[in-house]
């Protein structure tokens, strides 16, 4: 079984899912601001902390994904170093 690190589509789906959860949590915090009871405020505080952690994790995932993309681009560029521009374009179709 592949791990998310081994499957770019899974990584993108997980990042998208995490973004959606974050957006929904932010909307929930915004829409429950009028509730002032201690119970609501404690729940909002916990959600806010979890949201901050999720945002940090999302940033870490996106940075890692960007690093992988940059490395893949570097490797692909290095493998085509001796090719002319036309040969590089034609290589894309093989």
PDB file of N, CA and C in Angstrom:
ATOM      1  N   UNK A   1       0.844  -1.184   0.000  1.00  0.00           N
ATOM      2  CA  UNK A   1       0.000   0.000   0.000  1.00  0.00           C
ATOM      3  C   UNK A   1       0.888   1.246   0.000  1.00  0.00           C
ATOM      4  N   UNK A   2       0.540   2.216  -0.854  1.00  0.00           N
ATOM      5  CA  UNK A   2       1.315   3.447  -0.941  1.00  0.00           C
ATOM      6  C   UNK A   2       0.983   4.373   0.218  1.00  0.00           C
ATOM      7  N   UNK A   3       2.006   5.108   0.655  1.00  0.00           N
ATOM      8  CA  UNK A   3       1.786   6.144   1.651  1.00  0.00           C
ATOM      9  C   UNK A   3       1.513   7.447   0.917  1.00  0.00           C
ATOM     10  N   UNK A   4       0.926   8.442   1.594  1.00  0.00           N
ATOM     11  CA  UNK A   4       0.671   9.718   0.931  1.00  0.00           C
ATOM     12  C   UNK A   4       1.926  10.344   0.325  1.00  0.00           C
ATOM     13  N   UNK A   5       3.093  10.116   0.956  1.00  0.00           N
ATOM     14  CA  UNK A   5       4.337  10.679   0.445  1.00  0.00           C
ATOM     15  C   UNK A   5       4.712  10.081  -0.906  1.00  0.00           C
ATOM     16  N   UNK A   6       4.234   8.875  -1.208  1.00  0.00           N
ATOM     17  CA  UNK A   6       4.586   8.183  -2.439  1.00  0.00           C
ATOM     18  C   UNK A   6       3.606   8.467  -3.564  1.00  0.00           C
ATOM     19  N   UNK A   7       2.479   9.091  -3.283  1.00  0.00           N
ATOM     20  CA  UNK A   7       1.446   9.293  -4.284  1.00  0.00           C
ATOM     21  C   UNK A   7       1.066  10.774  -4.341  1.00  0.00           C
ATOM     22  N   UNK A   8       1.516  11.497  -5.393  1.00  0.00           N
ATOM     23  CA  UNK A   8       1.222  12.939  -5.480  1.00  0.00           C
ATOM     24  C   UNK A   8      -0.274  13.265  -5.500  1.00  0.00           C
ATOM     25  N   UNK A   9      -1.099  12.411  -6.130  1.00  0.00           N
ATOM     26  CA  UNK A   9      -2.536  12.688  -6.159  1.00  0.00           C
ATOM     27  C   UNK A   9      -3.130  12.621  -4.757  1.00  0.00           C
ATOM     28  N   UNK A  10      -2.680  11.654  -3.968  1.00  0.00           N
ATOM     29  CA  UNK A  10      -3.154  11.534  -2.592  1.00  0.00           C
ATOM     30  C   UNK A  10      -2.727  12.745  -1.782  1.00  0.00           C
ATOM     31  N   UNK A  11      -1.488  13.193  -1.983  1.00  0.00           N
ATOM     32  CA  UNK A  11      -1.000  14.371  -1.281  1.00  0.00           C
ATOM     33  C   UNK A  11      -1.849  15.586  -1.610  1.00  0.00           C
ATOM     34  N   UNK A  12      -2.124  15.786  -2.897  1.00  0.00           N
ATOM     35  CA  UNK A  12      -2.934  16.934  -3.308  1.00  0.00           C
ATOM     36  C   UNK A  12      -4.343  16.850  -2.728  1.00  0.00           C
ATOM     37  N   UNK A  13      -4.915  15.649  -2.698  1.00  0.00           N
ATOM     38  CA  UNK A  13      -6.254  15.474  -2.140  1.00  0.00           C
ATOM     39  C   UNK A  13      -6.245  15.772  -0.636  1.00  0.00           C
ATOM     40  N   UNK A  14      -5.221  15.289   0.063  1.00  0.00           N
ATOM     41  CA  UNK A  14      -5.129  15.552   1.504  1.00  0.00           C
ATOM     42  C   UNK A  14      -4.958  17.039   1.790  1.00  0.00           C
ATOM     43  N   UNK A  15      -4.140  17.699   1.000  1.00  0.00           N
ATOM     44  CA  UNK A  15      -3.948  19.141   1.175  1.00  0.00           C
ATOM     45  C   UNK A  15      -5.259  19.870   0.914  1.00  0.00           C
ATOM     46  N   UNK A  16      -5.971  19.465  -0.135  1.00  0.00           N
ATOM     47  CA  UNK A  16      -7.275  20.074  -0.428  1.00  0.00           C
ATOM     48  C   UNK A  16      -8.277  19.836   0.686  1.00  0.00           C
ATOM     49  N   UNK A  17      -8.287  18.619   1.214  1.00  0.00           N
ATOM     50  CA  UNK A  17      -9.193  18.299   2.326  1.00  0.00           C
ATOM     51  C   UNK A  17      -8.859  19.131   3.557  1.00  0.00           C
ATOM     52  N   UNK A  18      -7.574  19.276   3.845  1.00  0.00           N
ATOM     53  CA  UNK A  18      -7.159  20.060   5.007  1.00  0.00           C
ATOM     54  C   UNK A  18      -7.542  21.525   4.824  1.00  0.00           C
ATOM     55  N   UNK A  19      -7.362  22.054   3.621  1.00  0.00           N
ATOM     56  CA  UNK A  19      -7.782  23.441   3.352  1.00  0.00           C
ATOM     57  C   UNK A  19      -9.283  23.605   3.610  1.00  0.00           C
ATOM     58  N   UNK A  20     -10.078  22.644   3.154  1.00  0.00           N
ATOM     59  CA  UNK A  20     -11.532  22.706   3.329  1.00  0.00           C
ATOM     60  C   UNK A  20     -11.906  22.673   4.812  1.00  0.00           C
ATOM     61  N   UNK A  21     -11.266  21.802   5.572  1.00  0.00           N
ATOM     62  CA  UNK A  21     -11.534  21.727   7.015  1.00  0.00           C
ATOM     63  C   UNK A  21     -11.177  23.057   7.680  1.00  0.00           C
ATOM     64  N   UNK A  22     -10.059  23.621   7.299  1.00  0.00           N
ATOM     65  CA  UNK A  22      -9.634  24.905   7.867  1.00  0.00           C
ATOM     66  C   UNK A  22     -10.641  25.995   7.531  1.00  0.00           C
ATOM     67  N   UNK A  23     -11.065  26.051   6.274  1.00  0.00           N
ATOM     68  CA  UNK A  23     -12.056  27.061   5.876  1.00  0.00           C
ATOM     69  C   UNK A  23     -13.356  26.893   6.653  1.00  0.00           C
ATOM     70  N   UNK A  24     -13.809  25.659   6.806  1.00  0.00           N
ATOM     71  CA  UNK A  24     -15.046  25.408   7.551  1.00  0.00           C
ATOM     72  C   UNK A  24     -14.900  25.796   9.017  1.00  0.00           C
ATOM     73  N   UNK A  25     -13.751  25.489   9.601  1.00  0.00           N
ATOM     74  CA  UNK A  25     -13.517  25.838  11.009  1.00  0.00           C
ATOM     75  C   UNK A  25     -13.453  27.352  11.185  1.00  0.00           C
ATOM     76  N   UNK A  26     -12.826  28.042  10.243  1.00  0.00           N
ATOM     77  CA  UNK A  26     -12.774  29.501  10.323  1.00  0.00           C
ATOM     78  C   UNK A  26     -14.176  30.097  10.225  1.00  0.00           C
ATOM     79  N   UNK A  27     -14.992  29.541   9.348  1.00  0.00           N
ATOM     80  CA  UNK A  27     -16.373  30.007   9.197  1.00  0.00           C
ATOM     81  C   UNK A  27     -17.164  29.740  10.481  1.00  0.00           C
ATOM     82  N   UNK A  28     -16.961  28.585  11.081  1.00  0.00           N
ATOM     83  CA  UNK A  28     -17.640  28.251  12.336  1.00  0.00           C
ATOM     84  C   UNK A  28     -17.244  29.227  13.443  1.00  0.00           C
ATOM     85  N   UNK A  29     -15.960  29.534  13.543  1.00  0.00           N
ATOM     86  CA  UNK A  29     -15.517  30.498  14.550  1.00  0.00           C
ATOM     87  C   UNK A  29     -16.156  31.860  14.306  1.00  0.00           C
ATOM     88  N   UNK A  30     -16.194  32.258  13.054  1.00  0.00           N
ATOM     89  CA  UNK A  30     -16.780  33.558  12.712  1.00  0.00           C
ATOM     90  C   UNK A  30     -18.269  33.601  13.045  1.00  0.00           C
ATOM     91  N   UNK A  31     -18.976  32.509  12.787  1.00  0.00           N
ATOM     92  CA  UNK A  31     -20.421  32.489  12.980  1.00  0.00           C
ATOM     93  C   UNK A  31     -20.862  32.204  14.410  1.00  0.00           C
ATOM     94  N   UNK A  32     -19.946  31.863  15.297  1.00  0.00           N
ATOM     95  CA  UNK A  32     -20.312  31.599  16.694  1.00  0.00           C
ATOM     96  C   UNK A  32     -19.744  32.646  17.640  1.00  0.00           C
ATOM     97  N   UNK A  33     -19.271  33.730  17.095  1.00  0.00           N
ATOM     98  CA  UNK A  33     -18.664  34.782  17.910  1.00  0.00           C
ATOM     99  C   UNK A  33     -19.646  35.412  18.895  1.00  0.00           C
ATOM    100  N   UNK A  34     -20.923  35.398  18.558  1.00  0.00           N
ATOM    101  CA  UNK A  34     -21.927  36.047  19.410  1.00  0.00           C
ATOM    102  C   UNK A  34     -22.256  35.247  20.666  1.00  0.00           C
ATOM    103  N   UNK A  35     -21.860  33.981  20.714  1.00  0.00           N
ATOM    104  CA  UNK A  35     -22.148  33.157  21.889  1.00  0.00           C
ATOM    105  C   UNK A  35     -21.086  33.413  22.952  1.00  0.00           C
ATOM    106  N   UNK A  36     -21.516  33.873  24.104  1.00  0.00           N
ATOM    107  CA  UNK A  36     -20.570  34.324  25.122  1.00  0.00           C
ATOM    108  C   UNK A  36     -20.465  33.409  26.335  1.00  0.00           C
ATOM    109  N   UNK A  37     -21.219  32.317  26.353  1.00  0.00           N
ATOM    110  CA  UNK A  37     -21.140  31.446  27.531  1.00  0.00           C
ATOM    111  C   UNK A  37     -19.739  30.846  27.633  1.00  0.00           C
ATOM    112  N   UNK A  38     -19.370  30.473  28.824  1.00  0.00           N
ATOM    113  CA  UNK A  38     -18.057  29.897  29.076  1.00  0.00           C
ATOM    114  C   UNK A  38     -17.866  28.626  28.250  1.00  0.00           C
ATOM    115  N   UNK A  39     -18.901  27.825  28.144  1.00  0.00           N
ATOM    116  CA  UNK A  39     -18.825  26.587  27.368  1.00  0.00           C
ATOM    117  C   UNK A  39     -18.475  26.873  25.907  1.00  0.00           C
ATOM    118  N   UNK A  40     -19.166  27.836  25.301  1.00  0.00           N
ATOM    119  CA  UNK A  40     -18.888  28.192  23.906  1.00  0.00           C
ATOM    120  C   UNK A  40     -17.493  28.789  23.767  1.00  0.00           C
ATOM    121  N   UNK A  41     -17.127  29.654  24.682  1.00  0.00           N
ATOM    122  CA  UNK A  41     -15.825  30.306  24.594  1.00  0.00           C
ATOM    123  C   UNK A  41     -14.681  29.289  24.741  1.00  0.00           C
ATOM    124  N   UNK A  42     -14.852  28.308  25.628  1.00  0.00           N
ATOM    125  CA  UNK A  42     -13.835  27.259  25.764  1.00  0.00           C
ATOM    126  C   UNK A  42     -13.740  26.428  24.485  1.00  0.00           C
ATOM    127  N   UNK A  43     -14.881  26.082  23.928  1.00  0.00           N
ATOM    128  CA  UNK A  43     -14.886  25.307  22.686  1.00  0.00           C
ATOM    129  C   UNK A  43     -14.262  26.108  21.555  1.00  0.00           C
ATOM    130  N   UNK A  44     -14.595  27.399  21.481  1.00  0.00           N
ATOM    131  CA  UNK A  44     -14.005  28.253  20.441  1.00  0.00           C
ATOM    132  C   UNK A  44     -12.501  28.371  20.621  1.00  0.00           C
ATOM    133  N   UNK A  45     -12.056  28.462  21.850  1.00  0.00           N
ATOM    134  CA  UNK A  45     -10.626  28.562  22.130  1.00  0.00           C
ATOM    135  C   UNK A  45      -9.892  27.290  21.676  1.00  0.00           C
ATOM    136  N   UNK A  46     -10.471  26.137  21.994  1.00  0.00           N
ATOM    137  CA  UNK A  46      -9.870  24.861  21.573  1.00  0.00           C
ATOM    138  C   UNK A  46      -9.852  24.741  20.056  1.00  0.00           C
ATOM    139  N   UNK A  47     -10.946  25.145  19.414  1.00  0.00           N
ATOM    140  CA  UNK A  47     -11.011  25.094  17.957  1.00  0.00           C
ATOM    141  C   UNK A  47      -9.984  26.044  17.348  1.00  0.00           C
ATOM    142  N   UNK A  48      -9.832  27.197  17.930  1.00  0.00           N
ATOM    143  CA  UNK A  48      -8.860  28.169  17.435  1.00  0.00           C
ATOM    144  C   UNK A  48      -7.436  27.618  17.523  1.00  0.00           C
ATOM    145  N   UNK A  49      -7.106  26.964  18.626  1.00  0.00           N
ATOM    146  CA  UNK A  49      -5.766  26.355  18.775  1.00  0.00           C
ATOM    147  C   UNK A  49      -5.565  25.243  17.748  1.00  0.00           C
ATOM    148  N   UNK A  50      -6.588  24.409  17.562  1.00  0.00           N
ATOM    149  CA  UNK A  50      -6.501  23.330  16.576  1.00  0.00           C
ATOM    150  C   UNK A  50      -6.374  23.898  15.169  1.00  0.00           C
ATOM    151  N   UNK A  51      -7.056  24.984  14.910  1.00  0.00           N
ATOM    152  CA  UNK A  51      -6.994  25.638  13.609  1.00  0.00           C
ATOM    153  C   UNK A  51      -5.601  26.196  13.342  1.00  0.00           C
ATOM    154  N   UNK A  52      -4.994  26.784  14.343  1.00  0.00           N
ATOM    155  CA  UNK A  52      -3.616  27.277  14.197  1.00  0.00           C
ATOM    156  C   UNK A  52      -2.660  26.124  13.881  1.00  0.00           C
ATOM    157  N   UNK A  53      -2.821  25.019  14.591  1.00  0.00           N
ATOM    158  CA  UNK A  53      -1.970  23.850  14.334  1.00  0.00           C
ATOM    159  C   UNK A  53      -2.199  23.313  12.921  1.00  0.00           C
ATOM    160  N   UNK A  54      -3.455  23.282  12.488  1.00  0.00           N
ATOM    161  CA  UNK A  54      -3.769  22.791  11.138  1.00  0.00           C
ATOM    162  C   UNK A  54      -3.167  23.701  10.076  1.00  0.00           C
ATOM    163  N   UNK A  55      -3.214  25.008  10.297  1.00  0.00           N
ATOM    164  CA  UNK A  55      -2.606  25.947   9.355  1.00  0.00           C
ATOM    165  C   UNK A  55      -1.097  25.743   9.263  1.00  0.00           C
ATOM    166  N   UNK A  56      -0.454  25.509  10.392  1.00  0.00           N
ATOM    167  CA  UNK A  56       0.985  25.243  10.401  1.00  0.00           C
ATOM    168  C   UNK A  56       1.300  23.947   9.654  1.00  0.00           C
ATOM    169  N   UNK A  57       0.488  22.933   9.877  1.00  0.00           N
ATOM    170  CA  UNK A  57       0.686  21.643   9.203  1.00  0.00           C
ATOM    171  C   UNK A  57       0.464  21.791   7.693  1.00  0.00           C
ATOM    172  N   UNK A  58      -0.557  22.532   7.303  1.00  0.00           N
ATOM    173  CA  UNK A  58      -0.821  22.767   5.890  1.00  0.00           C
ATOM    174  C   UNK A  58       0.366  23.482   5.248  1.00  0.00           C
ATOM    175  N   UNK A  59       0.903  24.461   5.921  1.00  0.00           N
ATOM    176  CA  UNK A  59       2.074  25.180   5.399  1.00  0.00           C
ATOM    177  C   UNK A  59       3.257  24.224   5.234  1.00  0.00           C
ATOM    178  N   UNK A  60       3.446  23.340   6.207  1.00  0.00           N
ATOM    179  CA  UNK A  60       4.534  22.361   6.122  1.00  0.00           C
ATOM    180  C   UNK A  60       4.322  21.426   4.933  1.00  0.00           C
ATOM    181  N   UNK A  61       3.086  20.942   4.745  1.00  0.00           N
ATOM    182  CA  UNK A  61       2.779  20.065   3.601  1.00  0.00           C
ATOM    183  C   UNK A  61       3.039  20.770   2.285  1.00  0.00           C
ATOM    184  N   UNK A  62       2.581  22.022   2.196  1.00  0.00           N
ATOM    185  CA  UNK A  62       2.753  22.767   0.947  1.00  0.00           C
ATOM    186  C   UNK A  62       4.225  23.042   0.668  1.00  0.00           C
ATOM    187  N   UNK A  63       5.001  23.357   1.706  1.00  0.00           N
ATOM    188  CA  UNK A  63       6.436  23.572   1.524  1.00  0.00           C
ATOM    189  C   UNK A  63       7.120  22.294   1.044  1.00  0.00           C
ATOM    190  N   UNK A  64       6.751  21.161   1.646  1.00  0.00           N
ATOM    191  CA  UNK A  64       7.337  19.879   1.246  1.00  0.00           C
ATOM    192  C   UNK A  64       6.960  19.545  -0.194  1.00  0.00           C
ATOM    193  N   UNK A  65       5.704  19.802  -0.557  1.00  0.00           N
ATOM    194  CA  UNK A  65       5.254  19.536  -1.919  1.00  0.00           C
ATOM    195  C   UNK A  65       6.018  20.421  -2.906  1.00  0.00           C
ATOM    196  N   UNK A  66       6.207  21.677  -2.577  1.00  0.00           N
ATOM    197  CA  UNK A  66       6.947  22.589  -3.438  1.00  0.00           C
ATOM    198  C   UNK A  66       8.397  22.141  -3.581  1.00  0.00           C
ATOM    199  N   UNK A  67       8.995  21.705  -2.492  1.00  0.00           N
ATOM    200  CA  UNK A  67      10.377  21.211  -2.542  1.00  0.00           C
ATOM    201  C   UNK A  67      10.493  19.999  -3.455  1.00  0.00           C
ATOM    202  N   UNK A  68       9.524  19.076  -3.367  1.00  0.00           N
ATOM    203  CA  UNK A  68       9.542  17.891  -4.235  1.00  0.00           C
ATOM    204  C   UNK A  68       9.390  18.287  -5.700  1.00  0.00           C
ATOM    205  N   UNK A  69       8.515  19.244  -5.969  1.00  0.00           N
ATOM    206  CA  UNK A  69       8.311  19.696  -7.342  1.00  0.00           C
ATOM    207  C   UNK A  69       9.575  20.362  -7.889  1.00  0.00           C
ATOM    208  N   UNK A  70      10.223  21.164  -7.067  1.00  0.00           N
ATOM    209  CA  UNK A  70      11.454  21.832  -7.499  1.00  0.00           C
ATOM    210  C   UNK A  70      12.560  20.811  -7.767  1.00  0.00           C
ATOM    211  N   UNK A  71      12.667  19.804  -6.922  1.00  0.00           N
ATOM    212  CA  UNK A  71      13.675  18.764  -7.125  1.00  0.00           C
ATOM    213  C   UNK A  71      13.380  17.969  -8.394  1.00  0.00           C
ATOM    214  N   UNK A  72      12.119  17.635  -8.629  1.00  0.00           N
ATOM    215  CA  UNK A  72      11.754  16.907  -9.842  1.00  0.00           C
ATOM    216  C   UNK A  72      12.070  17.737 -11.082  1.00  0.00           C
ATOM    217  N   UNK A  73      11.828  19.036 -11.004  1.00  0.00           N
ATOM    218  CA  UNK A  73      12.145  19.930 -12.126  1.00  0.00           C
ATOM    219  C   UNK A  73      13.648  19.992 -12.345  1.00  0.00           C
ATOM    220  N   UNK A  74      14.414  20.069 -11.263  1.00  0.00           N
ATOM    221  CA  UNK A  74      15.873  20.112 -11.368  1.00  0.00           C
ATOM    222  C   UNK A  74      16.401  18.838 -12.018  1.00  0.00           C
ATOM    223  N   UNK A  75      15.883  17.684 -11.592  1.00  0.00           N
ATOM    224  CA  UNK A  75      16.314  16.400 -12.153  1.00  0.00           C
ATOM    225  C   UNK A  75      15.955  16.320 -13.639  1.00  0.00           C
ATOM    226  N   UNK A  76      14.732  16.732 -13.976  1.00  0.00           N
ATOM    227  CA  UNK A  76      14.306  16.694 -15.381  1.00  0.00           C
ATOM    228  C   UNK A  76      15.158  17.624 -16.235  1.00  0.00           C
ATOM    229  N   UNK A  77      15.470  18.791 -15.717  1.00  0.00           N
ATOM    230  CA  UNK A  77      16.305  19.742 -16.452  1.00  0.00           C
ATOM    231  C   UNK A  77      17.708  19.187 -16.645  1.00  0.00           C
ATOM    232  N   UNK A  78      18.259  18.573 -15.610  1.00  0.00           N
ATOM    233  CA  UNK A  78      19.598  17.995 -15.707  1.00  0.00           C
ATOM    234  C   UNK A  78      19.635  16.852 -16.712  1.00  0.00           C
ATOM    235  N   UNK A  79      18.565  16.080 -16.798  1.00  0.00           N
ATOM    236  CA  UNK A  79      18.550  14.948 -17.726  1.00  0.00           C
ATOM    237  C   UNK A  79      18.447  15.403 -19.177  1.00  0.00           C
ATOM    238  N   UNK A  80      18.059  16.641 -19.393  1.00  0.00           N
ATOM    239  CA  UNK A  80      17.923  17.175 -20.755  1.00  0.00           C
ATOM    240  C   UNK A  80      19.017  18.184 -21.086  1.00  0.00           C
ATOM    241  N   UNK A  81      20.049  18.268 -20.261  1.00  0.00           N
ATOM    242  CA  UNK A  81      21.066  19.306 -20.407  1.00  0.00           C
ATOM    243  C   UNK A  81      21.726  19.301 -21.781  1.00  0.00           C
ATOM    244  N   UNK A  82      21.940  18.140 -22.380  1.00  0.00           N
ATOM    245  CA  UNK A  82      22.625  18.072 -23.661  1.00  0.00           C
ATOM    246  C   UNK A  82      21.708  18.178 -24.858  1.00  0.00           C
ATOM    247  N   UNK A  83      20.427  18.317 -24.641  1.00  0.00           N
ATOM    248  CA  UNK A  83      19.469  18.344 -25.745  1.00  0.00           C
ATOM    249  C   UNK A  83      19.226  19.766 -26.231  1.00  0.00           C
ATOM    250  N   UNK A  84      18.959  19.895 -27.530  1.00  0.00           N
ATOM    251  CA  UNK A  84      18.588  21.198 -28.072  1.00  0.00           C
ATOM    252  C   UNK A  84      17.156  21.523 -27.644  1.00  0.00           C
ATOM    253  N   UNK A  85      16.736  22.747 -27.886  1.00  0.00           N
ATOM    254  CA  UNK A  85      15.369  23.140 -27.542  1.00  0.00           C
ATOM    255  C   UNK A  85      14.341  22.278 -28.243  1.00  0.00           C
ATOM    256  N   UNK A  86      14.560  22.001 -29.521  1.00  0.00           N
ATOM    257  CA  UNK A  86      13.626  21.163 -30.275  1.00  0.00           C
ATOM    258  C   UNK A  86      13.587  19.751 -29.719  1.00  0.00           C
ATOM    259  N   UNK A  87      14.747  19.208 -29.374  1.00  0.00           N
ATOM    260  CA  UNK A  87      14.793  17.854 -28.808  1.00  0.00           C
ATOM    261  C   UNK A  87      14.082  17.796 -27.466  1.00  0.00           C
ATOM    262  N   UNK A  88      14.190  18.857 -26.676  1.00  0.00           N
ATOM    263  CA  UNK A  88      13.506  18.893 -25.389  1.00  0.00           C
ATOM    264  C   UNK A  88      11.992  18.897 -25.578  1.00  0.00           C
ATOM    265  N   UNK A  89      11.517  19.675 -26.539  1.00  0.00           N
ATOM    266  CA  UNK A  89      10.073  19.715 -26.804  1.00  0.00           C
ATOM    267  C   UNK A  89       9.595  18.370 -27.298  1.00  0.00           C
ATOM    268  N   UNK A  90      10.315  17.763 -28.229  1.00  0.00           N
ATOM    269  CA  UNK A  90       9.906  16.466 -28.768  1.00  0.00           C
ATOM    270  C   UNK A  90       9.951  15.386 -27.697  1.00  0.00           C
ATOM    271  N   UNK A  91      10.863  15.497 -26.745  1.00  0.00           N
ATOM    272  CA  UNK A  91      10.974  14.522 -25.649  1.00  0.00           C
ATOM    273  C   UNK A  91       9.681  14.459 -24.845  1.00  0.00           C
ATOM    274  N   UNK A  92       9.000  15.579 -24.737  1.00  0.00           N
ATOM    275  CA  UNK A  92       7.757  15.636 -23.967  1.00  0.00           C
ATOM    276  C   UNK A  92       6.664  14.785 -24.580  1.00  0.00           C
ATOM    277  N   UNK A  93       6.762  14.492 -25.877  1.00  0.00           N
ATOM    278  CA  UNK A  93       5.732  13.723 -26.558  1.00  0.00           C
ATOM    279  C   UNK A  93       6.046  12.241 -26.631  1.00  0.00           C
ATOM    280  N   UNK A  94       7.160  11.826 -26.088  1.00  0.00           N
ATOM    281  CA  UNK A  94       7.526  10.402 -26.120  1.00  0.00           C
ATOM    282  C   UNK A  94       7.144   9.700 -24.855  1.00  0.00           C
TER     283      UNK A  94
END
